[in-house]
Protein backbone atom coordinates (compact mmCIF):
# COMPACT_ATOMS: atom_id res chain seq x y z
CA MET A 1 -2.18 12.46 18.18
CA LYS A 2 0.67 14.77 19.92
CA LYS A 3 1.05 11.39 22.33
CA LEU A 4 1.31 9.12 19.91
CA MET A 5 4.29 11.26 18.05
CA LEU A 6 5.92 11.35 21.06
CA LEU A 7 5.18 7.78 21.49
CA ALA A 8 6.98 6.89 18.01
CA ALA A 9 9.80 9.39 18.93
CA ALA A 10 10.93 7.40 22.25
CA VAL A 11 10.86 4.47 20.60
CA VAL A 12 12.94 5.35 17.40
CA THR A 13 15.24 6.98 20.40
CA LEU A 14 15.33 3.56 22.20
CA ALA A 15 15.97 1.78 19.19
CA LEU A 16 18.95 3.74 17.90
CA VAL A 17 20.65 3.59 21.27
CA GLN A 18 20.60 -0.19 21.27
CA GLY A 19 22.97 -1.68 19.41
CA CYS A 20 21.75 -3.20 15.97
CA SER A 21 24.20 -6.29 15.57
CA SER A 22 24.93 -9.53 17.70
CA VAL A 23 26.46 -12.72 17.64
CA GLN A 24 24.96 -15.61 19.40
CA VAL A 25 26.55 -19.02 19.89
CA ALA A 26 25.22 -22.17 21.01
CA ASP A 27 28.21 -24.74 21.59
CA GLU A 28 25.50 -27.34 23.93
CA LEU A 29 24.69 -29.51 20.68
CA ASN A 30 23.42 -32.59 23.08
CA GLY A 31 26.21 -34.97 21.38
CA GLN A 32 25.11 -34.22 17.61
CA LYS A 33 27.62 -33.78 15.05
CA ILE A 34 27.37 -30.70 13.04
CA ALA A 35 30.30 -31.60 10.77
CA THR A 36 31.38 -34.86 9.28
CA ALA A 37 34.97 -34.22 10.06
CA GLY A 38 36.61 -32.78 12.54
CA SER A 39 35.52 -31.63 16.07
CA ASN A 40 32.55 -29.63 17.00
CA VAL A 41 32.71 -26.13 18.58
CA ALA A 42 29.93 -24.45 18.33
CA HIS A 43 26.83 -23.33 15.95
CA VAL A 44 27.34 -19.20 15.19
CA TYR A 45 24.81 -17.12 14.43
CA GLY A 46 24.76 -13.09 13.52
CA ASP A 47 22.48 -10.73 12.72
CA ASN A 48 22.38 -6.56 11.86
CA TRP A 49 20.12 -4.23 11.09
CA GLY A 50 19.88 -0.64 10.10
CA ILE A 51 17.96 2.26 8.69
CA TYR A 52 18.61 3.61 5.31
CA CYS A 53 17.09 6.80 3.40
CA LEU A 54 17.03 5.27 -0.33
CA SER A 55 20.46 3.97 -0.63
CA ILE A 56 22.04 5.99 2.13
CA PRO A 57 23.21 4.47 5.17
CA ILE A 58 21.83 6.72 8.33
CA VAL A 59 22.38 3.89 11.13
CA GLY A 60 23.35 0.28 11.61
CA GLY A 61 25.18 -2.00 13.61
CA ASP A 62 28.85 -2.18 13.94
CA THR A 63 29.81 -5.54 12.99
CA GLU A 64 33.58 -5.01 14.42
CA LYS A 65 31.69 -4.56 17.64
CA PRO A 66 28.41 -6.66 18.23
CA GLY A 67 26.26 -4.65 20.10
CA ALA A 68 27.22 -1.17 19.06
CA THR A 69 26.04 1.43 16.92
CA VAL A 70 27.82 3.03 14.05
CA TRP A 71 26.28 5.92 12.04
CA GLY A 72 26.43 6.57 8.20
CA LYS A 73 28.65 3.54 7.26
CA ASP A 74 27.35 0.14 5.37
CA THR A 75 27.53 -2.57 7.84
CA VAL A 76 24.36 -4.22 6.83
CA ASN A 77 25.33 -6.23 3.99
CA VAL A 78 26.37 -10.22 3.66
CA LYS A 79 29.62 -9.40 3.38
CA ALA A 80 30.31 -7.62 6.81
CA VAL A 81 27.92 -9.95 8.72
CA THR A 82 29.50 -13.04 7.77
CA ASP A 83 33.02 -11.17 8.41
CA MET A 84 31.57 -10.79 12.01
CA VAL A 85 30.12 -15.18 12.12
CA THR A 86 33.96 -15.81 10.82
CA THR A 87 35.74 -14.23 13.13
CA LYS A 88 33.79 -15.08 16.46
CA SER A 89 34.17 -18.39 15.02
CA LYS A 90 37.86 -18.35 14.85
CA ALA A 91 37.83 -16.77 18.06
CA LEU A 92 36.26 -19.55 19.68
CA GLY A 93 38.54 -21.80 18.47
CA GLY A 94 37.57 -22.95 15.46
CA THR A 95 39.23 -23.63 12.22
CA SER A 96 36.65 -23.83 9.85
CA THR A 97 33.22 -22.51 9.43
CA LEU A 98 31.09 -24.82 7.75
CA ASP A 99 27.77 -24.62 6.29
CA LEU A 100 27.10 -21.17 5.76
CA LYS A 101 23.67 -19.72 5.60
CA SER A 102 22.52 -15.85 4.77
CA ASN A 103 19.02 -14.35 4.60
CA THR A 104 18.42 -10.96 3.83
CA SER A 105 15.23 -8.81 4.19
CA SER A 106 14.13 -5.22 3.66
CA PHE A 107 11.18 -3.02 3.87
CA TRP A 108 10.19 0.85 3.75
CA ILE A 109 9.28 2.57 6.59
CA MET A 110 6.02 4.06 6.53
CA PRO A 111 4.71 6.79 5.69
CA THR A 112 8.09 8.32 4.53
CA PHE A 113 8.38 6.20 1.45
CA VAL A 114 11.96 6.75 1.40
CA CYS A 115 13.51 5.46 4.70
CA PHE A 116 14.04 1.59 4.67
CA TYR A 117 14.56 -1.01 7.29
CA ARG A 118 17.41 -3.55 6.48
CA ALA A 119 18.14 -6.54 8.11
CA VAL A 120 21.08 -9.27 7.43
CA GLU A 121 21.49 -12.59 9.12
CA VAL A 122 23.89 -15.26 8.86
CA SER A 123 24.96 -18.88 10.39
CA GLY A 124 27.44 -21.25 10.33
CA ASN A 125 29.06 -24.19 12.12
CA ALA A 126 32.26 -23.75 13.33
CA VAL A 127 34.95 -27.05 13.67
CA LYS A 128 38.18 -27.80 14.53
């Protein structure tokens, strides 16, 4: 039992040290159009996750610096992740981000019954 608790603590510590947010770009589109007007730039996908105690944020990903971690700041929401995706789209030279789609999920972290894992995903097509 002691070894299992130590292993669980090590896994949680490793997860907290890693960045909880990321932005991925697919710019090789095999000649396919992703918009009816304008020129293709890329398909941009962003995700962020965090740990909450009831509705109080404990740790999450930094949407201003993907790959970094923030403490006590509510960044796991559609607004923050959409801002992260559209910022990346603009940085790639896009003038519009079309077909934005989002997904959210949340579940209890057992056996606490007060801590939750939350995740948000947003994707869109950057065009000029």
